[in-house]
Amino acid sequence: SSKYFEFTQKGQSTRGIFLGMTWIQCKDPNTGELKPLESVSWLSQDGTMFINSGAALVSCFRQFQPPKGCPVEITFEDKKGNCKIYNVKVLVQ
């Protein structure tokens, strides 16, 4: 099973193998209804599978479209209001 990776500090980064986009079920805080939420999925260097469904990160991967199986580095660069800003790099093997 996968763990949710929450970026909490500016400059925080993680490296891993991009596994692709996936969907998770998330409970709506107002209605309690389960809703599908698109997420980024990657395998960390220690073999842990992580997901993150933050809108800004999902949008970044949608625009960037790295191929599945490629090594990536995700860095949390800043936060403006409620929006987190990320830098996603493909790492050369």
Protein backbone atom coordinates (compact mmCIF):
# COMPACT_ATOMS: atom_id res chain seq x y z
CA SER A 1 0.00 0.00 0.00
CA SER A 2 1.08 3.59 -0.48
CA LYS A 3 1.69 6.37 2.03
CA TYR A 4 0.66 9.99 1.63
CA PHE A 5 3.68 12.30 1.32
CA GLU A 6 2.95 15.78 2.68
CA PHE A 7 5.39 18.55 1.80
CA THR A 8 5.60 20.81 4.86
CA GLN A 9 8.78 22.90 4.59
CA LYS A 10 10.18 25.08 1.81
CA GLY A 11 13.16 23.39 0.22
CA GLN A 12 11.93 19.91 1.15
CA SER A 13 12.56 17.44 -1.65
CA THR A 14 12.22 13.78 -2.42
CA ARG A 15 13.57 11.55 -5.16
CA GLY A 16 12.03 8.44 -6.60
CA ILE A 17 10.74 6.59 -9.63
CA PHE A 18 7.59 8.14 -11.12
CA LEU A 19 4.89 5.45 -11.20
CA GLY A 20 2.25 7.53 -12.95
CA MET A 21 -1.00 9.22 -12.08
CA THR A 22 -3.55 7.37 -9.98
CA TRP A 23 -6.89 8.01 -8.26
CA ILE A 24 -7.62 7.80 -4.54
CA GLN A 25 -10.90 8.07 -2.65
CA CYS A 26 -11.11 11.16 -0.47
CA LYS A 27 -13.87 12.01 1.98
CA ASP A 28 -15.51 15.40 1.39
CA PRO A 29 -15.20 17.28 4.70
CA ASN A 30 -18.63 18.91 4.25
CA THR A 31 -20.75 16.01 3.04
CA GLY A 32 -18.78 12.93 4.11
CA GLU A 33 -19.18 11.64 0.55
CA LEU A 34 -16.25 9.75 -1.00
CA LYS A 35 -14.91 11.45 -4.11
CA PRO A 36 -12.17 10.42 -6.55
CA LEU A 37 -9.03 12.56 -6.36
CA GLU A 38 -6.21 12.41 -8.90
CA SER A 39 -2.77 11.83 -7.37
CA VAL A 40 0.90 11.59 -8.30
CA SER A 41 2.53 8.27 -7.38
CA TRP A 42 6.24 7.49 -6.97
CA LEU A 43 8.51 4.86 -5.46
CA SER A 44 11.10 6.28 -3.05
CA GLN A 45 14.73 5.21 -2.89
CA ASP A 46 13.98 2.99 0.13
CA GLY A 47 11.17 1.18 -1.71
CA THR A 48 8.21 3.01 -0.16
CA MET A 49 5.39 3.92 -2.54
CA PHE A 50 4.13 7.48 -1.98
CA ILE A 51 1.23 9.51 -3.33
CA ASN A 52 0.38 13.20 -3.19
CA SER A 53 -2.90 14.67 -4.45
CA GLY A 54 -2.11 18.37 -4.03
CA ALA A 55 -3.69 20.27 -6.93
CA ALA A 56 -0.50 22.17 -7.78
CA LEU A 57 1.68 19.03 -7.87
CA VAL A 58 -0.89 17.06 -9.88
CA SER A 59 -1.12 19.98 -12.34
CA CYS A 60 2.67 20.14 -12.61
CA PHE A 61 2.89 16.44 -13.53
CA ARG A 62 -0.03 16.76 -15.96
CA GLN A 63 1.75 19.59 -17.81
CA PHE A 64 5.25 18.08 -17.56
CA GLN A 65 4.17 14.50 -18.41
CA PRO A 66 7.34 12.60 -17.46
CA PRO A 67 7.33 8.99 -18.67
CA LYS A 68 6.39 6.31 -16.16
CA GLY A 69 9.44 4.65 -14.69
CA CYS A 70 11.72 7.67 -14.92
CA PRO A 71 13.63 8.97 -11.89
CA VAL A 72 12.32 12.32 -10.64
CA GLU A 73 13.08 14.86 -7.95
CA ILE A 74 10.18 16.85 -6.47
CA THR A 75 11.04 20.00 -4.52
CA PHE A 76 8.57 22.12 -2.55
CA GLU A 77 9.78 25.64 -3.38
CA ASP A 78 7.26 28.05 -1.91
CA LYS A 79 3.70 28.67 -0.83
CA LYS A 80 1.59 31.57 -2.05
CA GLY A 81 -1.70 31.71 -0.16
CA ASN A 82 -3.05 28.15 -0.23
CA CYS A 83 -1.08 27.22 -3.36
CA LYS A 84 2.18 25.29 -3.07
CA ILE A 85 4.81 25.76 -5.78
CA TYR A 86 6.88 22.76 -6.84
CA ASN A 87 9.89 22.11 -9.04
CA VAL A 88 9.88 18.72 -10.75
CA LYS A 89 13.05 17.46 -12.46
CA VAL A 90 13.75 14.29 -14.40
CA LEU A 91 17.04 12.87 -13.12
CA VAL A 92 19.53 11.47 -15.61
CA GLN A 93 20.41 7.87 -14.90
